[in-house]
Amino acid sequence: MIHRIELGGRSIALATDGVVTCPEAGSAAVPQVRVEAAHLSVLHDMRDGEVYRTGQNSWSPSGWRRLDEAPMRIENDRRRRTADDDAWDDPVRHHSSWLAVVEDEAGALLVGCLTGGTPRLRVDRAALEALTETGRPAQWVILAGPAATVLRAYARELARSLGRRPIQAQSVWCSWYSYYEGISQEALDEEIPQVAALGFETLQIDDGWQAAVGDWRANDRFSRGMAHAAQRIRRAGMRPGLWVAPFIALPGSRLLAEHPEAFVHEADGRPAVAGSNWGSDYHALDLTHPAAQDHVRRTIERIVEDWGFTYLKLDFINAAAIPGVRHEQADREEAYRAGLRLVREAAGDEAFLLGSGAPLMPSLGILDAVRVGPDVAPMWENYATDDLSDAKARNALHAGINRLWLGEVIGVDPDVVFFRHRRNLLDDTQMQWLRDVAEASRYRCLSDRSAWLDEQERDAVRQWLAREPEELEILGRYRFRLGGRIVDLTRAIEGGASPYPL
């Protein structure tokens, strides 16, 4: 059935067999239409407009493209399997997860899902198509107005439908970008007093402490155990944080060897490949399976209750939502969400849960925060890649500003900033851009090794952390007001850059 609707001064044609509800004028802050359907199409007249897409998870490309341009996507098959939803990749049409926005000079039109079974959208110069992977009806909203307005309104609608935990400003020192997998108790003992003196609230140990990915016990570099490490951090007056990837395991892990039935499988019975890292493919736990649920519950309880870590960085968790055969038939994003509920129950309501590689909308109301971009790096560009999911500062900034609107409904982590000038190819302007987005996100995170900071840089870190979070107002795509200061990152995002880091 075709519905012709006037919405925000724009005439649209809506094709759907679902139920369409048009709220009375003035009953909603932003002009909107509600649809309950498994499939709908909106014909639009913005042939020369632009489209906003957001990928499935933290690392997926997000941002604006002209409708007549090629879609924003990850071209490399292996990388795409890890950093976006490979099942819905489209080399021709623009495609997005949960929502899409089309905009021209007259304004923007947003179509977004509020609840539903793995919702996806495709957009071209004539139509915007929205559907669920399950084929079951979902709740959709269509919003009209300026792009910043409709994105903010959509975030608030998501909070009503999926929930919203209190958003807490964070200051975190993370070991990853200085020690990587070489972190040890010895290195930690060296950093703890220095990090505490800078004024950080949380010190988070990243990847490298574990015996193996999937076998979450301390390795030889933490011979006194993880409870000892947490105790040292707590005694210095900081919250202990720990990196863990609770939904995956590497092929050589004890978990996979002892419980192969607990993993998502291909139709032929082989464990499904969820992504690639650590020089290997890795596999995803089937969170509908009792053995997988028991493993996750025991892992989180041990980390929080026995060891004492109350800030958890949950990484590679999009693996729980890969396509495949599960113990119980379930929508894959709902299986992921059920896994998150299990983590929240095991960790307790007071634990702070950050999701990295997290499917964004299915995390709402359960996680406290999500990473909103790929790993940063101490270089602005890399001549060897133009992949928006690769580790470089421009990519992290691009994702951070394009997903800043999510801060209405969940904490947003744009990844670390830099204050050091040693081992760093960023200039002062680029480092300030990263700090601006971190302040707008209310998520101040650093990974600079103490020995790499001189006294002037240490003073700058202390002053930055001591600054009270300021109220954020998003003014446009790349402009926002932070307290009394207007930040414009248009040049950072749209300006041309050298393919070389210097």
Protein backbone atom coordinates (compact mmCIF):
# COMPACT_ATOMS: atom_id res chain seq x y z
CA MET A 1 0.00 0.00 0.00
CA ILE A 2 1.22 3.53 -0.85
CA HIS A 3 0.75 6.26 1.74
CA ARG A 4 1.25 9.88 0.72
CA ILE A 5 2.30 11.88 3.74
CA GLU A 6 3.19 15.52 4.47
CA LEU A 7 6.04 15.52 6.97
CA GLY A 8 7.91 18.61 8.06
CA GLY A 9 6.99 20.49 4.88
CA ARG A 10 8.06 17.61 2.65
CA SER A 11 5.80 15.24 0.70
CA ILE A 12 6.86 11.61 0.88
CA ALA A 13 5.48 8.38 -0.53
CA LEU A 14 5.65 5.49 1.92
CA ALA A 15 5.18 1.96 0.58
CA THR A 16 4.43 -0.71 3.20
CA ASP A 17 1.92 -3.39 4.12
CA GLY A 18 2.43 -2.50 7.78
CA VAL A 19 0.52 -0.24 10.13
CA VAL A 20 1.20 3.49 9.70
CA THR A 21 0.47 6.00 12.45
CA CYS A 22 0.77 9.75 12.01
CA PRO A 23 0.79 11.51 15.41
CA GLU A 24 -1.29 14.64 15.64
CA ALA A 25 0.49 17.88 14.80
CA GLY A 26 2.20 19.28 17.86
CA SER A 27 2.13 16.00 19.80
CA ALA A 28 5.82 15.32 19.06
CA ALA A 29 8.78 17.69 19.28
CA VAL A 30 9.93 16.65 15.78
CA PRO A 31 7.55 15.81 12.90
CA GLN A 32 7.28 12.04 12.71
CA VAL A 33 5.50 8.98 11.38
CA ARG A 34 5.40 5.58 13.12
CA VAL A 35 5.35 2.33 11.16
CA GLU A 36 5.03 -1.26 12.36
CA ALA A 37 6.28 -3.43 9.52
CA ALA A 38 8.88 -5.96 8.42
CA HIS A 39 9.57 -3.95 5.28
CA LEU A 40 8.98 -0.41 4.11
CA SER A 41 10.22 1.92 1.38
CA VAL A 42 10.25 5.70 1.34
CA LEU A 43 10.40 7.37 -2.05
CA HIS A 44 12.28 10.65 -1.79
CA ASP A 45 13.05 13.58 -4.09
CA MET A 46 16.64 14.21 -2.95
CA ARG A 47 18.51 12.85 -5.98
CA ASP A 48 21.37 15.29 -5.45
CA GLY A 49 21.38 14.96 -1.66
CA GLU A 50 23.62 13.13 0.81
CA VAL A 51 23.15 10.04 2.94
CA TYR A 52 24.28 9.30 6.48
CA ARG A 53 25.09 5.69 7.32
CA THR A 54 26.25 4.00 10.48
CA GLY A 55 27.68 0.51 10.41
CA GLN A 56 26.78 -2.28 12.79
CA ASN A 57 29.56 -2.02 15.36
CA SER A 58 32.14 0.24 17.00
CA TRP A 59 34.68 -0.09 14.19
CA SER A 60 32.28 0.15 11.24
CA PRO A 61 32.55 3.22 8.99
CA SER A 62 30.03 5.94 9.78
CA GLY A 63 29.36 9.30 8.17
CA TRP A 64 28.07 11.15 5.12
CA ARG A 65 28.38 10.48 1.40
CA ARG A 66 26.72 12.02 -1.65
CA LEU A 67 23.97 9.78 -2.99
CA ASP A 68 25.72 9.65 -6.36
CA GLU A 69 28.99 8.45 -4.76
CA ALA A 70 30.01 4.87 -4.07
CA PRO A 71 28.77 3.59 -0.70
CA MET A 72 30.91 3.91 2.44
CA ARG A 73 32.08 0.37 3.13
CA ILE A 74 35.06 -1.83 3.97
CA GLU A 75 36.37 -3.32 0.73
CA ASN A 76 38.67 -5.97 2.20
CA ASP A 77 36.63 -9.16 2.82
CA ARG A 78 38.69 -10.30 5.80
CA ARG A 79 38.61 -6.92 7.51
CA ARG A 80 34.89 -6.42 6.78
CA ARG A 81 34.02 -9.71 8.49
CA THR A 82 35.61 -8.32 11.67
CA ALA A 83 34.65 -4.65 11.53
CA ASP A 84 31.18 -4.54 9.96
CA ASP A 85 28.23 -6.78 9.16
CA ASP A 86 29.46 -8.74 6.16
CA ALA A 87 26.06 -10.34 5.56
CA TRP A 88 24.59 -6.97 4.51
CA ASP A 89 27.52 -5.54 2.57
CA ASP A 90 26.51 -3.91 -0.72
CA PRO A 91 29.10 -2.57 -3.20
CA VAL A 92 26.45 -0.59 -5.10
CA ARG A 93 23.78 0.81 -2.76
CA HIS A 94 24.38 2.83 0.39
CA HIS A 95 23.59 0.63 3.38
CA SER A 96 23.29 1.15 7.10
CA SER A 97 22.39 -0.51 10.39
CA TRP A 98 19.24 0.52 12.29
CA LEU A 99 18.93 3.98 10.73
CA ALA A 100 19.73 6.09 7.70
CA VAL A 101 19.37 9.80 6.97
CA VAL A 102 18.93 11.49 3.59
CA GLU A 103 19.49 15.24 3.42
CA ASP A 104 19.35 18.06 0.89
CA GLU A 105 19.16 21.84 1.18
CA ALA A 106 15.52 21.65 2.34
CA GLY A 107 16.30 19.41 5.31
CA ALA A 108 16.72 15.79 6.31
CA LEU A 109 14.61 12.65 6.50
CA LEU A 110 15.54 9.90 8.97
CA VAL A 111 14.19 6.35 8.96
CA GLY A 112 15.18 4.40 12.04
CA CYS A 113 14.23 1.23 13.87
CA LEU A 114 13.20 1.32 17.54
CA THR A 115 12.84 -2.41 18.16
CA GLY A 116 13.23 -5.26 15.70
CA GLY A 117 15.13 -8.29 14.45
CA THR A 118 18.48 -7.12 12.98
CA PRO A 119 17.14 -4.09 11.07
CA ARG A 120 19.02 -2.87 8.01
CA LEU A 121 18.54 -0.09 5.45
CA ARG A 122 19.52 0.52 1.83
CA VAL A 123 19.47 3.90 0.11
CA ASP A 124 19.78 5.14 -3.46
CA ARG A 125 18.91 8.34 -5.33
CA ALA A 126 15.20 7.48 -5.44
CA ALA A 127 14.29 5.46 -2.35
CA LEU A 128 15.19 4.46 1.17
CA GLU A 129 14.37 0.82 1.95
CA ALA A 130 14.16 -0.56 5.50
CA LEU A 131 13.68 -4.20 6.52
CA THR A 132 14.37 -6.77 9.19
CA GLU A 133 16.56 -9.81 8.67
CA THR A 134 14.05 -12.00 10.52
CA GLY A 135 11.14 -10.92 8.31
CA ARG A 136 9.13 -10.15 11.44
CA PRO A 137 7.52 -6.71 11.97
CA ALA A 138 9.57 -4.06 13.74
CA GLN A 139 8.81 -0.61 15.13
CA TRP A 140 10.11 2.18 12.87
CA VAL A 141 10.05 5.95 13.11
CA ILE A 142 10.37 8.46 10.27
CA LEU A 143 11.56 11.92 11.34
CA ALA A 144 11.88 15.18 9.40
CA GLY A 145 13.93 18.29 10.14
CA PRO A 146 17.57 19.41 10.26
CA ALA A 147 19.97 16.44 10.42
CA ALA A 148 21.30 17.25 13.91
CA THR A 149 17.72 17.59 15.18
CA VAL A 150 16.42 14.29 13.78
CA LEU A 151 19.46 12.36 15.03
CA ARG A 152 19.01 13.77 18.53
CA ALA A 153 15.28 12.99 18.42
CA TYR A 154 15.97 9.44 17.24
CA ALA A 155 18.42 8.90 20.10
CA ARG A 156 15.75 9.97 22.57
CA GLU A 157 13.22 7.61 20.97
CA LEU A 158 15.77 4.78 21.29
CA ALA A 159 16.16 5.57 24.98
CA ARG A 160 12.42 5.16 25.44
CA SER A 161 12.30 1.86 23.56
CA LEU A 162 15.58 0.17 24.57
CA GLY A 163 16.51 1.94 27.79
CA ARG A 164 19.22 4.33 28.91
CA ARG A 165 21.64 3.90 31.77
CA PRO A 166 22.98 6.99 33.56
CA ILE A 167 25.77 8.50 31.45
CA GLN A 168 28.89 9.02 33.54
CA ALA A 169 31.89 11.15 32.58
CA GLN A 170 35.06 9.03 32.51
CA SER A 171 38.79 9.60 32.87
CA VAL A 172 40.75 6.42 32.07
CA TRP A 173 44.40 5.51 31.58
CA CYS A 174 44.66 2.42 29.34
CA SER A 175 47.77 0.32 28.78
CA TRP A 176 47.13 -0.57 25.14
CA TYR A 177 48.75 2.18 23.08
CA SER A 178 52.02 2.14 24.98
CA TYR A 179 52.49 -1.50 26.04
CA TYR A 180 50.17 -3.37 23.66
CA GLU A 181 50.34 -7.12 24.43
CA GLY A 182 53.56 -6.64 26.41
CA ILE A 183 51.83 -5.33 29.55
CA SER A 184 53.12 -6.93 32.79
CA GLN A 185 52.83 -6.53 36.54
CA GLU A 186 56.27 -4.95 36.53
CA ALA A 187 55.20 -2.32 33.99
CA LEU A 188 51.95 -1.78 35.85
CA ASP A 189 53.77 -1.17 39.13
CA GLU A 190 55.81 1.49 37.36
CA GLU A 191 52.76 3.24 35.92
CA ILE A 192 50.30 3.12 38.85
CA PRO A 193 51.76 5.94 41.01
CA GLN A 194 52.44 8.12 37.95
CA VAL A 195 48.92 7.67 36.54
CA ALA A 196 47.34 8.33 39.95
CA ALA A 197 49.36 11.54 40.31
CA LEU A 198 48.00 12.79 36.98
CA GLY A 199 44.45 12.54 38.35
CA PHE A 200 42.91 9.60 36.49
CA GLU A 201 39.89 7.91 38.06
CA THR A 202 40.41 4.53 36.35
CA LEU A 203 43.45 2.52 35.31
CA GLN A 204 42.55 -0.17 32.79
CA ILE A 205 44.80 -3.12 31.91
CA ASP A 206 44.33 -4.00 28.26
CA ASP A 207 45.00 -7.07 26.10
CA GLY A 208 48.11 -9.06 27.07
CA TRP A 209 47.37 -10.19 30.65
CA GLN A 210 45.54 -13.42 29.72
CA ALA A 211 46.83 -16.95 29.14
CA ALA A 212 44.94 -17.09 25.83
CA VAL A 213 41.97 -15.41 24.19
CA GLY A 214 39.16 -17.61 25.47
CA ASP A 215 41.07 -18.83 28.56
CA TRP A 216 40.72 -15.93 30.96
CA ARG A 217 43.38 -16.58 33.58
CA ALA A 218 46.59 -14.65 34.23
CA ASN A 219 49.71 -15.43 32.22
CA ASP A 220 53.28 -15.63 33.54
CA ARG A 221 53.80 -11.85 33.36
CA PHE A 222 51.17 -11.54 36.11
CA SER A 223 52.53 -14.30 38.32
CA ARG A 224 50.90 -12.90 41.47
CA GLY A 225 47.48 -13.01 39.80
CA MET A 226 44.94 -10.45 38.69
CA ALA A 227 43.44 -9.89 42.15
CA HIS A 228 46.87 -8.57 43.20
CA ALA A 229 46.95 -6.23 40.17
CA ALA A 230 43.48 -4.89 40.97
CA GLN A 231 44.42 -4.38 44.61
CA ARG A 232 47.49 -2.32 43.67
CA ILE A 233 45.35 -0.05 41.48
CA ARG A 234 42.67 0.36 44.15
CA ARG A 235 45.24 1.21 46.84
CA ALA A 236 46.44 4.08 44.63
CA GLY A 237 42.92 5.53 44.73
CA MET A 238 41.78 4.45 41.26
CA ARG A 239 39.14 2.09 39.91
CA PRO A 240 40.66 -1.14 38.53
CA GLY A 241 39.77 -1.80 34.90
CA LEU A 242 40.36 -4.88 32.76
CA TRP A 243 40.11 -5.76 29.07
CA VAL A 244 38.35 -9.03 28.24
CA ALA A 245 36.79 -10.52 25.09
CA PRO A 246 34.19 -12.79 26.74
CA PHE A 247 32.30 -13.88 23.60
CA ILE A 248 35.21 -15.28 21.55
CA ALA A 249 38.03 -17.84 21.59
CA LEU A 250 41.05 -18.55 19.43
CA PRO A 251 41.43 -21.98 17.76
CA GLY A 252 44.09 -23.14 20.25
CA SER A 253 42.15 -22.19 23.38
CA ARG A 254 41.20 -24.76 25.97
CA LEU A 255 37.62 -23.48 25.85
CA LEU A 256 37.14 -24.34 22.18
CA ALA A 257 38.82 -27.74 22.60
CA GLU A 258 36.67 -28.73 25.58
CA HIS A 259 33.35 -27.16 24.50
CA PRO A 260 33.07 -27.01 20.70
CA GLU A 261 29.29 -27.38 21.04
CA ALA A 262 29.13 -23.96 22.76
CA PHE A 263 30.10 -22.04 19.60
CA VAL A 264 28.16 -20.68 16.63
CA HIS A 265 28.50 -23.17 13.77
CA GLU A 266 28.30 -23.22 10.00
CA ALA A 267 25.65 -25.43 8.40
CA ASP A 268 28.28 -28.16 7.89
CA GLY A 269 29.08 -28.26 11.63
CA ARG A 270 32.38 -26.35 11.60
CA PRO A 271 32.77 -23.48 14.10
CA ALA A 272 31.85 -20.26 12.29
CA VAL A 273 34.62 -17.72 11.80
CA ALA A 274 33.69 -14.51 13.60
CA GLY A 275 36.66 -12.36 12.60
CA SER A 276 40.43 -12.14 12.48
CA ASN A 277 43.04 -10.84 14.92
CA TRP A 278 46.20 -12.02 16.73
CA GLY A 279 47.37 -13.52 13.44
CA SER A 280 44.42 -15.94 13.37
CA ASP A 281 40.72 -16.32 12.80
CA TYR A 282 38.63 -16.53 15.97
CA HIS A 283 35.27 -18.08 16.85
CA ALA A 284 32.12 -16.86 18.60
CA LEU A 285 30.33 -18.34 21.55
CA ASP A 286 26.70 -19.25 20.95
CA LEU A 287 25.02 -17.29 23.70
CA THR A 288 21.83 -19.34 23.40
CA HIS A 289 23.80 -22.43 24.54
CA PRO A 290 23.88 -23.28 28.29
CA ALA A 291 27.62 -24.11 28.22
CA ALA A 292 28.44 -20.75 26.65
CA GLN A 293 26.21 -18.93 29.11
CA ASP A 294 27.86 -20.72 32.02
CA HIS A 295 31.35 -19.84 30.73
CA VAL A 296 30.48 -16.14 30.33
CA ARG A 297 28.80 -15.96 33.73
CA ARG A 298 31.73 -17.61 35.53
CA THR A 299 34.30 -15.47 33.67
CA ILE A 300 32.63 -12.18 34.57
CA GLU A 301 31.93 -13.18 38.18
CA ARG A 302 35.57 -14.17 38.63
CA ILE A 303 36.84 -10.87 37.19
CA VAL A 304 34.47 -8.68 39.21
CA GLU A 305 33.80 -10.56 42.45
CA ASP A 306 37.00 -12.58 42.93
CA TRP A 307 39.58 -10.27 41.38
CA GLY A 308 37.93 -6.90 42.06
CA PHE A 309 37.82 -5.23 38.63
CA THR A 310 34.74 -2.99 38.36
CA TYR A 311 35.47 -1.33 34.99
CA LEU A 312 35.36 -3.83 32.12
CA LYS A 313 36.31 -3.16 28.52
CA LEU A 314 34.40 -5.88 26.65
CA ASP A 315 36.07 -6.29 23.26
CA PHE A 316 35.20 -8.10 19.99
CA ILE A 317 31.68 -8.59 21.32
CA ASN A 318 30.05 -8.17 17.89
CA ALA A 319 31.09 -11.80 17.38
CA ALA A 320 28.00 -12.89 19.33
CA ALA A 321 25.83 -11.48 16.52
CA ILE A 322 27.40 -13.25 13.53
CA PRO A 323 25.19 -15.34 11.20
CA GLY A 324 25.27 -19.07 11.85
CA VAL A 325 23.61 -22.09 13.44
CA ARG A 326 22.77 -21.68 17.12
CA HIS A 327 21.55 -24.03 19.84
CA GLU A 328 18.25 -22.17 19.90
CA GLN A 329 16.72 -20.37 16.96
CA ALA A 330 17.08 -16.66 17.68
CA ASP A 331 17.56 -13.36 15.92
CA ARG A 332 21.33 -12.87 16.04
CA GLU A 333 21.26 -9.34 17.45
CA GLU A 334 18.84 -10.46 20.12
CA ALA A 335 21.21 -13.36 20.94
CA TYR A 336 23.92 -10.71 21.37
CA ARG A 337 21.65 -8.61 23.59
CA ALA A 338 20.83 -11.66 25.71
CA GLY A 339 24.57 -12.21 26.15
CA LEU A 340 24.97 -8.63 27.32
CA ARG A 341 22.18 -9.09 29.86
CA LEU A 342 24.05 -12.10 31.19
CA VAL A 343 27.24 -10.03 31.55
CA ARG A 344 25.35 -7.25 33.32
CA GLU A 345 23.74 -9.70 35.76
CA ALA A 346 27.11 -11.32 36.53
CA ALA A 347 28.97 -8.00 36.86
CA GLY A 348 26.30 -6.25 38.89
CA ASP A 349 24.66 -2.91 38.38
CA GLU A 350 27.57 -0.92 39.85
CA ALA A 351 30.19 -2.23 37.42
CA PHE A 352 31.00 0.03 34.48
CA LEU A 353 30.73 -1.84 31.16
CA LEU A 354 32.33 -0.44 28.02
CA GLY A 355 31.69 -2.27 24.75
CA SER A 356 34.30 -2.26 21.97
CA GLY A 357 33.48 -3.83 18.65
CA ALA A 358 29.96 -3.52 20.03
CA PRO A 359 26.80 -3.55 17.89
CA LEU A 360 25.63 -0.08 18.82
CA MET A 361 21.86 -0.03 19.14
CA PRO A 362 21.50 -3.56 20.60
CA SER A 363 23.83 -2.41 23.42
CA LEU A 364 21.55 0.38 24.63
CA GLY A 365 20.17 0.15 28.12
CA ILE A 366 22.68 -2.55 29.14
CA LEU A 367 26.18 -1.21 28.52
CA ASP A 368 27.31 2.05 30.09
CA ALA A 369 29.34 3.12 27.06
CA VAL A 370 30.45 2.00 23.60
CA ARG A 371 33.53 2.69 21.53
CA VAL A 372 32.29 4.63 18.52
CA GLY A 373 35.26 4.27 16.17
CA PRO A 374 38.30 2.24 15.18
CA ASP A 375 41.58 2.25 17.08
CA VAL A 376 43.38 5.56 17.04
CA ALA A 377 47.11 5.79 16.23
CA PRO A 378 49.80 8.46 16.66
CA MET A 379 49.62 9.32 12.95
CA TRP A 380 46.95 11.27 11.08
CA GLU A 381 47.05 9.39 7.77
CA ASN A 382 48.61 6.21 6.42
CA TYR A 383 49.52 6.11 2.74
CA ALA A 384 49.01 2.33 2.71
CA THR A 385 45.25 2.39 3.41
CA ASP A 386 42.11 4.42 2.88
CA ASP A 387 39.96 2.00 4.91
CA LEU A 388 37.89 4.01 7.41
CA SER A 389 38.06 1.15 9.92
CA ASP A 390 41.86 1.06 10.07
CA ALA A 391 43.86 2.41 13.03
CA LYS A 392 44.77 6.04 12.46
CA ALA A 393 43.87 9.32 14.14
CA ARG A 394 41.81 10.72 11.26
CA ASN A 395 39.59 7.63 11.24
CA ALA A 396 39.03 7.80 15.01
CA LEU A 397 38.14 11.49 14.78
CA HIS A 398 35.86 10.91 11.77
CA ALA A 399 33.91 8.24 13.62
CA GLY A 400 33.87 10.14 16.91
CA ILE A 401 32.28 13.27 15.45
CA ASN A 402 29.87 11.35 13.20
CA ARG A 403 28.55 9.30 16.13
CA LEU A 404 28.58 12.04 18.75
CA TRP A 405 24.76 12.16 18.64
CA LEU A 406 24.68 8.75 20.37
CA GLY A 407 25.78 10.55 23.54
CA GLU A 408 22.10 11.33 24.08
CA VAL A 409 21.42 7.67 24.91
CA ILE A 410 24.73 6.00 25.91
CA GLY A 411 28.29 6.92 26.87
CA VAL A 412 30.47 7.34 23.79
CA ASP A 413 34.19 6.53 23.81
CA PRO A 414 36.09 8.03 20.83
CA ASP A 415 39.31 6.26 21.99
CA VAL A 416 42.45 7.73 23.49
CA VAL A 417 44.01 11.16 22.99
CA PHE A 418 47.73 11.99 22.96
CA PHE A 419 49.74 14.47 25.00
CA ARG A 420 53.18 13.03 24.32
CA HIS A 421 55.32 14.31 21.47
CA ARG A 422 57.71 11.37 21.65
CA ARG A 423 56.83 8.45 19.37
CA ASN A 424 54.09 10.59 17.84
CA LEU A 425 53.61 11.85 14.26
CA LEU A 426 50.56 14.02 15.08
CA ASP A 427 50.94 17.79 15.19
CA ASP A 428 49.48 19.94 17.98
CA THR A 429 46.38 20.86 15.98
CA GLN A 430 45.53 17.22 15.26
CA MET A 431 46.05 16.30 18.93
CA GLN A 432 43.72 19.15 19.93
CA TRP A 433 41.05 17.90 17.55
CA LEU A 434 41.12 14.51 19.28
CA ARG A 435 40.86 16.18 22.69
CA ASP A 436 37.91 18.30 21.54
CA VAL A 437 35.93 15.21 20.60
CA ALA A 438 36.96 13.46 23.83
CA GLU A 439 35.71 16.43 25.86
CA ALA A 440 32.47 16.57 23.88
CA SER A 441 32.06 12.83 24.56
CA ARG A 442 32.82 13.27 28.29
CA TYR A 443 35.24 10.35 27.86
CA ARG A 444 38.83 11.36 28.57
CA CYS A 445 41.18 8.48 27.92
CA LEU A 446 44.96 8.40 27.62
CA SER A 447 47.53 5.68 27.00
CA ASP A 448 50.77 7.66 27.01
CA ARG A 449 53.51 5.88 28.97
CA SER A 450 54.65 8.05 31.88
CA ALA A 451 58.27 7.91 30.74
CA TRP A 452 57.25 9.41 27.39
CA LEU A 453 55.80 12.60 28.96
CA ASP A 454 57.92 15.58 29.92
CA GLU A 455 56.93 17.83 32.82
CA GLN A 456 55.11 20.34 30.63
CA GLU A 457 53.06 17.54 29.06
CA ARG A 458 52.27 16.12 32.52
CA ASP A 459 50.99 19.52 33.62
CA ALA A 460 48.81 19.69 30.51
CA VAL A 461 47.31 16.27 31.30
CA ARG A 462 46.59 17.28 34.91
CA GLN A 463 44.88 20.50 33.79
CA TRP A 464 42.86 18.65 31.16
CA LEU A 465 41.60 16.07 33.65
CA ALA A 466 40.81 18.71 36.29
CA ARG A 467 38.52 20.61 33.93
CA GLU A 468 34.82 20.13 34.70
CA PRO A 469 32.78 18.51 31.88
CA GLU A 470 30.91 21.18 29.94
CA GLU A 471 27.45 21.08 28.39
CA LEU A 472 27.43 19.94 24.77
CA GLU A 473 25.24 21.33 22.00
CA ILE A 474 25.61 19.80 18.53
CA LEU A 475 25.28 22.61 15.99
CA GLY A 476 25.88 20.73 12.74
CA ARG A 477 27.69 17.78 11.23
CA TYR A 478 31.11 18.76 12.48
CA ARG A 479 30.36 21.75 14.73
CA PHE A 480 29.42 21.81 18.38
CA ARG A 481 29.33 24.16 21.33
CA LEU A 482 31.16 23.03 24.44
CA GLY A 483 30.29 25.37 27.28
CA GLY A 484 31.10 28.80 25.87
CA ARG A 485 33.42 27.51 23.15
CA ILE A 486 32.41 26.62 19.58
CA VAL A 487 34.44 23.82 17.99
CA ASP A 488 34.41 23.44 14.20
CA LEU A 489 36.04 20.26 12.87
CA THR A 490 34.94 20.73 9.25
CA ARG A 491 38.54 21.21 8.10
CA ALA A 492 39.64 18.09 10.00
CA ILE A 493 36.98 15.92 8.34
CA GLU A 494 36.59 17.43 4.88
CA GLY A 495 40.01 18.99 4.34
CA GLY A 496 42.50 17.29 2.10
CA ALA A 497 45.33 15.47 3.84
CA SER A 498 48.70 14.19 2.75
CA PRO A 499 48.83 10.40 2.32
CA TYR A 500 52.05 10.51 4.34
CA PRO A 501 52.05 10.89 8.13
CA LEU A 502 54.54 13.77 8.26
